[in-house]
Amino acid sequence: MLLGVGLLSGCGNEPEARRDPADDARDVAAVERLSQPPFRPIRPEAFTSDDIDRYDLAREGCVFRPGNAVDGPPVFIAQKDRGYLKIEGRLQPLAPKEGSSELPSGAHATYIGTENWVELVAQAGDAGSAASASRNGWPSRLVIHDANERVAFDGLGQVNCTGSTAEG
């Protein structure tokens, strides 16, 4: 009797052994698509002077301002050891990505956070000398990616850098 049960249980697994690996791959891909959170655009908020004072953000580094204004409120602050975004009223610190391009004042072009990552991309144009561009700003693009590598924000603006290295 035990031998009969063993034979029957072995027969039941035979169709699974013959499954097509391509079917398995399609099933896995479908589950992965369903498990990803829905896409949500990111809207970085401008830092107020109160935010800058409260979080001590007026240190050496670079700032990104949307549009052409070089003196408006920044929406991204890049410093040597940290980058900062403000999303839905919350400060979100980011770490500089090792090996990313270095900007004047020791800031970096790429920062990584737990929920997203940011890259500052210089735009082509005549910005003059590096020292002049640091003080007066240069055209740039701020790109924010979500945790699933999707572009959640892409905006044009100006980058200005301050500090001893930037003014050098």
C-alpha atoms as a PDB file:
ATOM      1  CA  MET A   1       0.000   0.000   0.000  1.00  0.00           C
ATOM      2  CA  LEU A   2       2.843   2.386   0.847  1.00  0.00           C
ATOM      3  CA  LEU A   3       4.406   1.709  -2.539  1.00  0.00           C
ATOM      4  CA  GLY A   4       1.115   2.590  -4.285  1.00  0.00           C
ATOM      5  CA  VAL A   5       0.854   5.941  -2.491  1.00  0.00           C
ATOM      6  CA  GLY A   6       4.464   6.740  -3.407  1.00  0.00           C
ATOM      7  CA  LEU A   7       3.838   5.984  -7.062  1.00  0.00           C
ATOM      8  CA  LEU A   8       0.676   8.097  -7.138  1.00  0.00           C
ATOM      9  CA  SER A   9       2.341  11.063  -5.463  1.00  0.00           C
ATOM     10  CA  GLY A  10       5.209  10.896  -7.962  1.00  0.00           C
ATOM     11  CA  CYS A  11       2.764  10.996 -10.866  1.00  0.00           C
ATOM     12  CA  GLY A  12       1.192  14.201  -9.601  1.00  0.00           C
ATOM     13  CA  ASN A  13       4.464  16.177  -9.890  1.00  0.00           C
ATOM     14  CA  GLU A  14       5.211  15.167 -13.459  1.00  0.00           C
ATOM     15  CA  PRO A  15       3.296  18.009 -15.247  1.00  0.00           C
ATOM     16  CA  GLU A  16       5.090  20.633 -13.113  1.00  0.00           C
ATOM     17  CA  ALA A  17       8.436  19.213 -14.163  1.00  0.00           C
ATOM     18  CA  ARG A  18       7.456  19.799 -17.780  1.00  0.00           C
ATOM     19  CA  ARG A  19       6.583  23.515 -17.317  1.00  0.00           C
ATOM     20  CA  ASP A  20       8.139  25.822 -19.842  1.00  0.00           C
ATOM     21  CA  PRO A  21      10.802  28.135 -18.295  1.00  0.00           C
ATOM     22  CA  ALA A  22       9.461  30.985 -20.459  1.00  0.00           C
ATOM     23  CA  ASP A  23       6.055  30.612 -18.760  1.00  0.00           C
ATOM     24  CA  ASP A  24       7.770  30.806 -15.373  1.00  0.00           C
ATOM     25  CA  ALA A  25       9.641  33.945 -16.413  1.00  0.00           C
ATOM     26  CA  ARG A  26       6.397  35.601 -17.602  1.00  0.00           C
ATOM     27  CA  ASP A  27       4.703  34.714 -14.306  1.00  0.00           C
ATOM     28  CA  VAL A  28       7.569  36.177 -12.277  1.00  0.00           C
ATOM     29  CA  ALA A  29       7.576  39.365 -14.390  1.00  0.00           C
ATOM     30  CA  ALA A  30       3.818  39.772 -13.895  1.00  0.00           C
ATOM     31  CA  VAL A  31       4.151  39.438 -10.115  1.00  0.00           C
ATOM     32  CA  GLU A  32       7.030  41.956 -10.071  1.00  0.00           C
ATOM     33  CA  ARG A  33       4.974  44.481 -12.087  1.00  0.00           C
ATOM     34  CA  LEU A  34       2.049  44.103  -9.699  1.00  0.00           C
ATOM     35  CA  SER A  35       4.256  44.533  -6.632  1.00  0.00           C
ATOM     36  CA  GLN A  36       5.726  47.900  -7.765  1.00  0.00           C
ATOM     37  CA  PRO A  37       4.077  50.938  -6.215  1.00  0.00           C
ATOM     38  CA  PRO A  38       2.216  53.164  -8.667  1.00  0.00           C
ATOM     39  CA  PHE A  39       4.166  56.039 -10.166  1.00  0.00           C
ATOM     40  CA  ARG A  40       3.898  59.330  -8.273  1.00  0.00           C
ATOM     41  CA  PRO A  41       5.531  62.497  -9.578  1.00  0.00           C
ATOM     42  CA  ILE A  42       7.737  64.303  -7.069  1.00  0.00           C
ATOM     43  CA  ARG A  43       7.228  68.020  -6.517  1.00  0.00           C
ATOM     44  CA  PRO A  44      10.228  69.503  -4.698  1.00  0.00           C
ATOM     45  CA  GLU A  45       9.279  72.528  -2.608  1.00  0.00           C
ATOM     46  CA  ALA A  46      11.286  75.711  -2.268  1.00  0.00           C
ATOM     47  CA  PHE A  47      13.261  76.174   0.928  1.00  0.00           C
ATOM     48  CA  THR A  48      12.211  79.218   2.922  1.00  0.00           C
ATOM     49  CA  SER A  49      14.684  81.385   4.816  1.00  0.00           C
ATOM     50  CA  ASP A  50      13.241  79.838   8.017  1.00  0.00           C
ATOM     51  CA  ASP A  51      14.067  76.331   6.686  1.00  0.00           C
ATOM     52  CA  ILE A  52      17.605  77.407   5.826  1.00  0.00           C
ATOM     53  CA  ASP A  53      18.128  78.870   9.311  1.00  0.00           C
ATOM     54  CA  ARG A  54      16.416  75.998  11.177  1.00  0.00           C
ATOM     55  CA  TYR A  55      18.402  73.253   9.432  1.00  0.00           C
ATOM     56  CA  ASP A  56      21.666  75.230   9.098  1.00  0.00           C
ATOM     57  CA  LEU A  57      21.681  74.942   5.302  1.00  0.00           C
ATOM     58  CA  ALA A  58      23.495  78.221   4.577  1.00  0.00           C
ATOM     59  CA  ARG A  59      26.847  76.454   4.462  1.00  0.00           C
ATOM     60  CA  GLU A  60      29.347  76.113   1.630  1.00  0.00           C
ATOM     61  CA  GLY A  61      27.804  74.327  -1.337  1.00  0.00           C
ATOM     62  CA  CYS A  62      25.586  74.689  -4.384  1.00  0.00           C
ATOM     63  CA  VAL A  63      21.885  75.366  -4.793  1.00  0.00           C
ATOM     64  CA  PHE A  64      19.468  74.688  -7.643  1.00  0.00           C
ATOM     65  CA  ARG A  65      16.780  77.269  -8.361  1.00  0.00           C
ATOM     66  CA  PRO A  66      14.085  76.568 -10.959  1.00  0.00           C
ATOM     67  CA  GLY A  67      13.741  78.880 -13.941  1.00  0.00           C
ATOM     68  CA  ASN A  68      16.149  81.702 -14.714  1.00  0.00           C
ATOM     69  CA  ALA A  69      16.199  83.443 -11.335  1.00  0.00           C
ATOM     70  CA  VAL A  70      19.597  83.282  -9.672  1.00  0.00           C
ATOM     71  CA  ASP A  71      18.291  84.770  -6.423  1.00  0.00           C
ATOM     72  CA  GLY A  72      14.973  82.937  -5.889  1.00  0.00           C
ATOM     73  CA  PRO A  73      14.433  80.259  -3.259  1.00  0.00           C
ATOM     74  CA  PRO A  74      16.278  76.981  -3.939  1.00  0.00           C
ATOM     75  CA  VAL A  75      14.532  73.613  -4.325  1.00  0.00           C
ATOM     76  CA  PHE A  76      17.722  71.563  -3.933  1.00  0.00           C
ATOM     77  CA  ILE A  77      20.765  72.209  -1.758  1.00  0.00           C
ATOM     78  CA  ALA A  78      23.994  70.313  -2.481  1.00  0.00           C
ATOM     79  CA  GLN A  79      26.803  70.349   0.055  1.00  0.00           C
ATOM     80  CA  LYS A  80      30.005  68.366   0.380  1.00  0.00           C
ATOM     81  CA  ASP A  81      28.562  65.862   2.871  1.00  0.00           C
ATOM     82  CA  ARG A  82      24.788  66.053   2.155  1.00  0.00           C
ATOM     83  CA  GLY A  83      22.120  67.082  -0.309  1.00  0.00           C
ATOM     84  CA  TYR A  84      18.660  68.291   0.730  1.00  0.00           C
ATOM     85  CA  LEU A  85      15.193  68.254  -0.795  1.00  0.00           C
ATOM     86  CA  LYS A  86      11.932  69.407   0.741  1.00  0.00           C
ATOM     87  CA  ILE A  87       8.991  67.226  -0.276  1.00  0.00           C
ATOM     88  CA  GLU A  88       5.504  67.482   1.215  1.00  0.00           C
ATOM     89  CA  GLY A  89       6.851  69.811   3.896  1.00  0.00           C
ATOM     90  CA  ARG A  90       9.544  67.377   5.074  1.00  0.00           C
ATOM     91  CA  LEU A  91      13.294  67.805   4.797  1.00  0.00           C
ATOM     92  CA  GLN A  92      14.824  64.836   3.001  1.00  0.00           C
ATOM     93  CA  PRO A  93      18.591  64.462   3.403  1.00  0.00           C
ATOM     94  CA  LEU A  94      20.548  62.614   0.718  1.00  0.00           C
ATOM     95  CA  ALA A  95      24.095  61.276   0.660  1.00  0.00           C
ATOM     96  CA  PRO A  96      26.573  62.186  -2.091  1.00  0.00           C
ATOM     97  CA  LYS A  97      27.240  59.353  -4.516  1.00  0.00           C
ATOM     98  CA  GLU A  98      30.876  58.298  -4.400  1.00  0.00           C
ATOM     99  CA  GLY A  99      32.573  58.892  -7.711  1.00  0.00           C
ATOM    100  CA  SER A 100      29.988  61.354  -9.019  1.00  0.00           C
ATOM    101  CA  SER A 101      31.184  64.568 -10.621  1.00  0.00           C
ATOM    102  CA  GLU A 102      32.341  67.193  -8.181  1.00  0.00           C
ATOM    103  CA  LEU A 103      30.910  70.696  -8.378  1.00  0.00           C
ATOM    104  CA  PRO A 104      32.600  73.842  -7.086  1.00  0.00           C
ATOM    105  CA  SER A 105      32.751  74.029  -3.266  1.00  0.00           C
ATOM    106  CA  GLY A 106      32.998  70.245  -2.977  1.00  0.00           C
ATOM    107  CA  ALA A 107      29.337  69.515  -3.724  1.00  0.00           C
ATOM    108  CA  HIS A 108      28.487  66.564  -5.965  1.00  0.00           C
ATOM    109  CA  ALA A 109      26.344  66.099  -9.061  1.00  0.00           C
ATOM    110  CA  THR A 110      24.534  62.991  -7.708  1.00  0.00           C
ATOM    111  CA  TYR A 111      22.929  62.335  -4.309  1.00  0.00           C
ATOM    112  CA  ILE A 112      21.161  59.203  -3.091  1.00  0.00           C
ATOM    113  CA  GLY A 113      18.364  58.946  -0.531  1.00  0.00           C
ATOM    114  CA  THR A 114      16.168  56.194   0.841  1.00  0.00           C
ATOM    115  CA  GLU A 115      13.175  57.143  -1.299  1.00  0.00           C
ATOM    116  CA  ASN A 116      14.793  58.723  -4.361  1.00  0.00           C
ATOM    117  CA  TRP A 117      18.013  59.949  -5.916  1.00  0.00           C
ATOM    118  CA  VAL A 118      18.930  63.264  -7.494  1.00  0.00           C
ATOM    119  CA  GLU A 119      21.262  64.374 -10.234  1.00  0.00           C
ATOM    120  CA  LEU A 120      22.299  67.876 -11.247  1.00  0.00           C
ATOM    121  CA  VAL A 121      23.085  67.971 -14.952  1.00  0.00           C
ATOM    122  CA  ALA A 122      24.893  71.017 -16.344  1.00  0.00           C
ATOM    123  CA  GLN A 123      23.320  72.323 -19.543  1.00  0.00           C
ATOM    124  CA  ALA A 124      25.345  73.493 -22.530  1.00  0.00           C
ATOM    125  CA  GLY A 125      25.876  77.218 -22.689  1.00  0.00           C
ATOM    126  CA  ASP A 126      28.392  79.986 -22.261  1.00  0.00           C
ATOM    127  CA  ALA A 127      28.717  80.369 -18.500  1.00  0.00           C
ATOM    128  CA  GLY A 128      32.069  82.153 -18.575  1.00  0.00           C
ATOM    129  CA  SER A 129      34.820  81.226 -16.156  1.00  0.00           C
ATOM    130  CA  ALA A 130      34.227  78.683 -13.410  1.00  0.00           C
ATOM    131  CA  ALA A 131      34.519  81.322 -10.686  1.00  0.00           C
ATOM    132  CA  SER A 132      32.083  83.631 -12.469  1.00  0.00           C
ATOM    133  CA  ALA A 133      29.659  80.757 -13.105  1.00  0.00           C
ATOM    134  CA  SER A 134      29.821  79.768  -9.450  1.00  0.00           C
ATOM    135  CA  ARG A 135      28.741  83.204  -8.290  1.00  0.00           C
ATOM    136  CA  ASN A 136      26.322  84.038 -11.112  1.00  0.00           C
ATOM    137  CA  GLY A 137      24.914  80.576 -11.747  1.00  0.00           C
ATOM    138  CA  TRP A 138      24.872  78.362 -14.781  1.00  0.00           C
ATOM    139  CA  PRO A 139      22.041  76.620 -16.604  1.00  0.00           C
ATOM    140  CA  SER A 140      21.320  73.204 -15.182  1.00  0.00           C
ATOM    141  CA  ARG A 141      18.710  70.498 -14.957  1.00  0.00           C
ATOM    142  CA  LEU A 142      17.518  68.845 -11.747  1.00  0.00           C
ATOM    143  CA  VAL A 143      16.365  65.249 -12.251  1.00  0.00           C
ATOM    144  CA  ILE A 144      14.784  63.320  -9.375  1.00  0.00           C
ATOM    145  CA  HIS A 145      14.362  59.565  -9.757  1.00  0.00           C
ATOM    146  CA  ASP A 146      12.046  57.478  -7.587  1.00  0.00           C
ATOM    147  CA  ALA A 147      13.087  54.248  -5.864  1.00  0.00           C
ATOM    148  CA  ASN A 148      12.201  52.288  -9.027  1.00  0.00           C
ATOM    149  CA  GLU A 149      14.547  54.358 -11.246  1.00  0.00           C
ATOM    150  CA  ARG A 150      11.662  56.283 -12.867  1.00  0.00           C
ATOM    151  CA  VAL A 151      12.064  60.024 -13.546  1.00  0.00           C
ATOM    152  CA  ALA A 152       9.666  61.644 -11.083  1.00  0.00           C
ATOM    153  CA  PHE A 153      10.796  65.252 -11.629  1.00  0.00           C
ATOM    154  CA  ASP A 154      12.779  66.951 -14.377  1.00  0.00           C
ATOM    155  CA  GLY A 155      13.202  70.711 -14.301  1.00  0.00           C
ATOM    156  CA  LEU A 156      15.450  73.370 -15.794  1.00  0.00           C
ATOM    157  CA  GLY A 157      17.008  76.081 -13.667  1.00  0.00           C
ATOM    158  CA  GLN A 158      20.190  77.661 -12.378  1.00  0.00           C
ATOM    159  CA  VAL A 159      22.924  76.340 -10.086  1.00  0.00           C
ATOM    160  CA  ASN A 160      24.942  78.713  -7.881  1.00  0.00           C
ATOM    161  CA  CYS A 161      27.815  77.704  -5.647  1.00  0.00           C
ATOM    162  CA  THR A 162      29.248  79.514  -2.635  1.00  0.00           C
ATOM    163  CA  GLY A 163      32.221  78.985  -0.395  1.00  0.00           C
ATOM    164  CA  SER A 164      35.976  79.313  -0.505  1.00  0.00           C
ATOM    165  CA  THR A 165      36.464  76.742  -3.288  1.00  0.00           C
ATOM    166  CA  ALA A 166      33.681  78.185  -5.446  1.00  0.00           C
ATOM    167  CA  GLU A 167      34.951  81.727  -5.193  1.00  0.00           C
ATOM    168  CA  GLY A 168      38.554  80.732  -5.659  1.00  0.00           C
END
